[in-house]
Amino acid sequence: MADTQQVDTEQAGARRGWAERWDAYEVNRAAGRIASFAKAHGGAEAQVTYLGERGARIVLVGEDGAWGDLVARTPERARKAVERSGITVHDEFDGEFAAKVATGRYEWSRMAGLQLGGPSNT
């Protein structure tokens, strides 16, 4: 019976090791994408939003007003990725932060779609 416990312990350790490596891989990959966005747009700021079971959304706003987002599997991974990338993180997507987003004709037509004669949302 001692052999079985040893094998179970080894298997559990191997699974835990794999999970930690996968976690580090996803954090590093997201941090690289965030840093790349920041470099392309003269710097960036972020806000992390919890999405429930789907994970967390990282909204990025560049210094030039460009914006983008990506999703991490957990809020912890999202926070680690943003911290590792070295950009500022906001707790909320408040008015001051939202005002940095540059929206063009495309975004306005998609937001108002049918009301302004823009493309439909279907």
C-alpha atoms as a PDB file:
ATOM      1  CA  MET A   1       0.000   0.000   0.000  1.00  0.00           C
ATOM      2  CA  ALA A   2       2.930   2.356   0.594  1.00  0.00           C
ATOM      3  CA  ASP A   3       3.893   1.977  -3.089  1.00  0.00           C
ATOM      4  CA  THR A   4       0.411   3.052  -4.178  1.00  0.00           C
ATOM      5  CA  GLN A   5       0.518   6.135  -1.975  1.00  0.00           C
ATOM      6  CA  GLN A   6       3.936   7.020  -3.351  1.00  0.00           C
ATOM      7  CA  VAL A   7       2.708   6.722  -6.938  1.00  0.00           C
ATOM      8  CA  ASP A   8      -0.398   8.798  -6.174  1.00  0.00           C
ATOM      9  CA  THR A   9       1.765  11.482  -4.537  1.00  0.00           C
ATOM     10  CA  GLU A  10       4.113  11.512  -7.520  1.00  0.00           C
ATOM     11  CA  GLN A  11       1.212  11.780  -9.976  1.00  0.00           C
ATOM     12  CA  ALA A  12      -0.370  14.602  -7.998  1.00  0.00           C
ATOM     13  CA  GLY A  13       2.965  16.423  -7.909  1.00  0.00           C
ATOM     14  CA  ALA A  14       3.409  15.956 -11.654  1.00  0.00           C
ATOM     15  CA  ARG A  15      -0.089  17.340 -12.328  1.00  0.00           C
ATOM     16  CA  ARG A  16       0.548  20.284 -10.036  1.00  0.00           C
ATOM     17  CA  GLY A  17       3.883  20.949 -11.737  1.00  0.00           C
ATOM     18  CA  TRP A  18       2.236  20.836 -15.147  1.00  0.00           C
ATOM     19  CA  ALA A  19      -0.521  23.220 -14.019  1.00  0.00           C
ATOM     20  CA  GLU A  20       2.032  25.683 -12.655  1.00  0.00           C
ATOM     21  CA  ARG A  21       4.029  25.580 -15.903  1.00  0.00           C
ATOM     22  CA  TRP A  22       0.852  26.116 -17.950  1.00  0.00           C
ATOM     23  CA  ASP A  23      -0.149  29.022 -15.694  1.00  0.00           C
ATOM     24  CA  ALA A  24       3.283  30.624 -16.153  1.00  0.00           C
ATOM     25  CA  TYR A  25       3.110  30.074 -19.922  1.00  0.00           C
ATOM     26  CA  GLU A  26      -0.285  31.798 -20.228  1.00  0.00           C
ATOM     27  CA  VAL A  27       0.791  34.703 -18.010  1.00  0.00           C
ATOM     28  CA  ASN A  28       4.007  35.211 -19.994  1.00  0.00           C
ATOM     29  CA  ARG A  29       2.183  34.983 -23.329  1.00  0.00           C
ATOM     30  CA  ALA A  30      -0.458  37.539 -22.286  1.00  0.00           C
ATOM     31  CA  ALA A  31       2.216  39.838 -20.807  1.00  0.00           C
ATOM     32  CA  GLY A  32       4.089  39.711 -24.108  1.00  0.00           C
ATOM     33  CA  ARG A  33       0.959  40.614 -26.065  1.00  0.00           C
ATOM     34  CA  ILE A  34       0.218  43.490 -23.672  1.00  0.00           C
ATOM     35  CA  ALA A  35       3.784  44.799 -23.891  1.00  0.00           C
ATOM     36  CA  SER A  36       3.646  44.559 -27.691  1.00  0.00           C
ATOM     37  CA  PHE A  37       0.405  46.575 -27.746  1.00  0.00           C
ATOM     38  CA  ALA A  38       1.914  49.177 -25.430  1.00  0.00           C
ATOM     39  CA  LYS A  39       5.031  49.478 -27.584  1.00  0.00           C
ATOM     40  CA  ALA A  40       2.981  49.879 -30.769  1.00  0.00           C
ATOM     41  CA  HIS A  41       0.784  52.606 -29.264  1.00  0.00           C
ATOM     42  CA  GLY A  42       3.258  54.715 -27.304  1.00  0.00           C
ATOM     43  CA  GLY A  43       2.397  53.152 -23.971  1.00  0.00           C
ATOM     44  CA  ALA A  44      -0.831  51.762 -22.561  1.00  0.00           C
ATOM     45  CA  GLU A  45      -3.054  51.413 -19.539  1.00  0.00           C
ATOM     46  CA  ALA A  46      -5.330  48.522 -18.624  1.00  0.00           C
ATOM     47  CA  GLN A  47      -8.375  47.514 -16.672  1.00  0.00           C
ATOM     48  CA  VAL A  48      -9.222  43.925 -15.665  1.00  0.00           C
ATOM     49  CA  THR A  49     -12.865  42.833 -15.551  1.00  0.00           C
ATOM     50  CA  TYR A  50     -14.115  39.552 -14.093  1.00  0.00           C
ATOM     51  CA  LEU A  51     -16.143  37.541 -16.642  1.00  0.00           C
ATOM     52  CA  GLY A  52     -17.306  34.729 -14.392  1.00  0.00           C
ATOM     53  CA  GLU A  53     -16.440  31.180 -15.447  1.00  0.00           C
ATOM     54  CA  ARG A  54     -14.910  32.447 -18.698  1.00  0.00           C
ATOM     55  CA  GLY A  55     -12.096  34.238 -16.877  1.00  0.00           C
ATOM     56  CA  ALA A  56     -11.175  37.911 -16.987  1.00  0.00           C
ATOM     57  CA  ARG A  57     -11.078  40.516 -19.744  1.00  0.00           C
ATOM     58  CA  ILE A  58      -8.090  42.825 -20.005  1.00  0.00           C
ATOM     59  CA  VAL A  59      -9.042  46.085 -21.733  1.00  0.00           C
ATOM     60  CA  LEU A  60      -6.044  47.985 -23.096  1.00  0.00           C
ATOM     61  CA  VAL A  61      -6.008  51.660 -24.053  1.00  0.00           C
ATOM     62  CA  GLY A  62      -2.953  53.002 -25.832  1.00  0.00           C
ATOM     63  CA  GLU A  63      -1.570  56.515 -25.423  1.00  0.00           C
ATOM     64  CA  ASP A  64      -2.694  57.214 -28.994  1.00  0.00           C
ATOM     65  CA  GLY A  65      -6.310  56.287 -28.134  1.00  0.00           C
ATOM     66  CA  ALA A  66      -6.230  52.856 -29.782  1.00  0.00           C
ATOM     67  CA  TRP A  67      -7.849  50.121 -27.751  1.00  0.00           C
ATOM     68  CA  GLY A  68      -7.985  46.368 -27.647  1.00  0.00           C
ATOM     69  CA  ASP A  69      -8.653  43.527 -25.306  1.00  0.00           C
ATOM     70  CA  LEU A  70      -7.758  39.962 -24.507  1.00  0.00           C
ATOM     71  CA  VAL A  71      -9.150  37.314 -22.193  1.00  0.00           C
ATOM     72  CA  ALA A  72      -7.281  35.328 -19.553  1.00  0.00           C
ATOM     73  CA  ARG A  73      -8.619  32.115 -18.040  1.00  0.00           C
ATOM     74  CA  THR A  74      -8.585  33.502 -14.490  1.00  0.00           C
ATOM     75  CA  PRO A  75      -8.540  36.971 -12.931  1.00  0.00           C
ATOM     76  CA  GLU A  76      -5.288  36.060 -11.166  1.00  0.00           C
ATOM     77  CA  ARG A  77      -3.585  35.290 -14.479  1.00  0.00           C
ATOM     78  CA  ALA A  78      -4.906  38.529 -15.957  1.00  0.00           C
ATOM     79  CA  ARG A  79      -3.569  40.594 -13.060  1.00  0.00           C
ATOM     80  CA  LYS A  80      -0.188  38.837 -13.162  1.00  0.00           C
ATOM     81  CA  ALA A  81       0.091  39.432 -16.921  1.00  0.00           C
ATOM     82  CA  VAL A  82      -0.694  43.136 -16.619  1.00  0.00           C
ATOM     83  CA  GLU A  83       1.723  43.547 -13.705  1.00  0.00           C
ATOM     84  CA  ARG A  84       4.454  41.671 -15.577  1.00  0.00           C
ATOM     85  CA  SER A  85       4.002  43.887 -18.649  1.00  0.00           C
ATOM     86  CA  GLY A  86       4.683  46.956 -16.497  1.00  0.00           C
ATOM     87  CA  ILE A  87       1.710  49.112 -17.487  1.00  0.00           C
ATOM     88  CA  THR A  88      -0.713  51.014 -15.260  1.00  0.00           C
ATOM     89  CA  VAL A  89      -3.803  49.111 -14.090  1.00  0.00           C
ATOM     90  CA  HIS A  90      -7.086  50.873 -13.290  1.00  0.00           C
ATOM     91  CA  ASP A  91      -9.594  49.407 -10.841  1.00  0.00           C
ATOM     92  CA  GLU A  92     -12.534  50.739 -12.862  1.00  0.00           C
ATOM     93  CA  PHE A  93     -13.237  51.806 -16.414  1.00  0.00           C
ATOM     94  CA  ASP A  94     -14.251  55.248 -15.185  1.00  0.00           C
ATOM     95  CA  GLY A  95     -14.913  58.399 -17.202  1.00  0.00           C
ATOM     96  CA  GLU A  96     -11.347  59.690 -17.125  1.00  0.00           C
ATOM     97  CA  PHE A  97      -9.936  56.388 -18.360  1.00  0.00           C
ATOM     98  CA  ALA A  98     -12.715  55.890 -20.925  1.00  0.00           C
ATOM     99  CA  ALA A  99     -12.105  59.395 -22.306  1.00  0.00           C
ATOM    100  CA  LYS A 100      -8.682  58.212 -23.517  1.00  0.00           C
ATOM    101  CA  VAL A 101     -10.317  55.824 -26.009  1.00  0.00           C
ATOM    102  CA  ALA A 102     -10.423  57.228 -29.542  1.00  0.00           C
ATOM    103  CA  THR A 103     -13.515  56.142 -31.412  1.00  0.00           C
ATOM    104  CA  GLY A 104     -13.972  56.647 -35.104  1.00  0.00           C
ATOM    105  CA  ARG A 105     -16.825  56.481 -37.601  1.00  0.00           C
ATOM    106  CA  TYR A 106     -16.808  52.693 -37.581  1.00  0.00           C
ATOM    107  CA  GLU A 107     -17.354  52.418 -33.821  1.00  0.00           C
ATOM    108  CA  TRP A 108     -20.056  55.094 -33.830  1.00  0.00           C
ATOM    109  CA  SER A 109     -21.916  53.470 -36.695  1.00  0.00           C
ATOM    110  CA  ARG A 110     -21.741  50.072 -34.988  1.00  0.00           C
ATOM    111  CA  MET A 111     -22.911  51.496 -31.652  1.00  0.00           C
ATOM    112  CA  ALA A 112     -25.805  53.430 -33.158  1.00  0.00           C
ATOM    113  CA  GLY A 113     -26.285  51.103 -36.152  1.00  0.00           C
ATOM    114  CA  LEU A 114     -29.920  51.221 -37.115  1.00  0.00           C
ATOM    115  CA  GLN A 115     -30.664  54.606 -35.549  1.00  0.00           C
ATOM    116  CA  LEU A 116     -28.111  56.471 -37.689  1.00  0.00           C
ATOM    117  CA  GLY A 117     -28.427  54.389 -40.822  1.00  0.00           C
ATOM    118  CA  GLY A 118     -25.200  52.523 -40.147  1.00  0.00           C
ATOM    119  CA  PRO A 119     -24.676  48.816 -40.718  1.00  0.00           C
ATOM    120  CA  SER A 120     -27.043  46.532 -38.842  1.00  0.00           C
ATOM    121  CA  ASN A 121     -25.707  44.563 -35.911  1.00  0.00           C
ATOM    122  CA  THR A 122     -26.631  41.232 -37.492  1.00  0.00           C
END
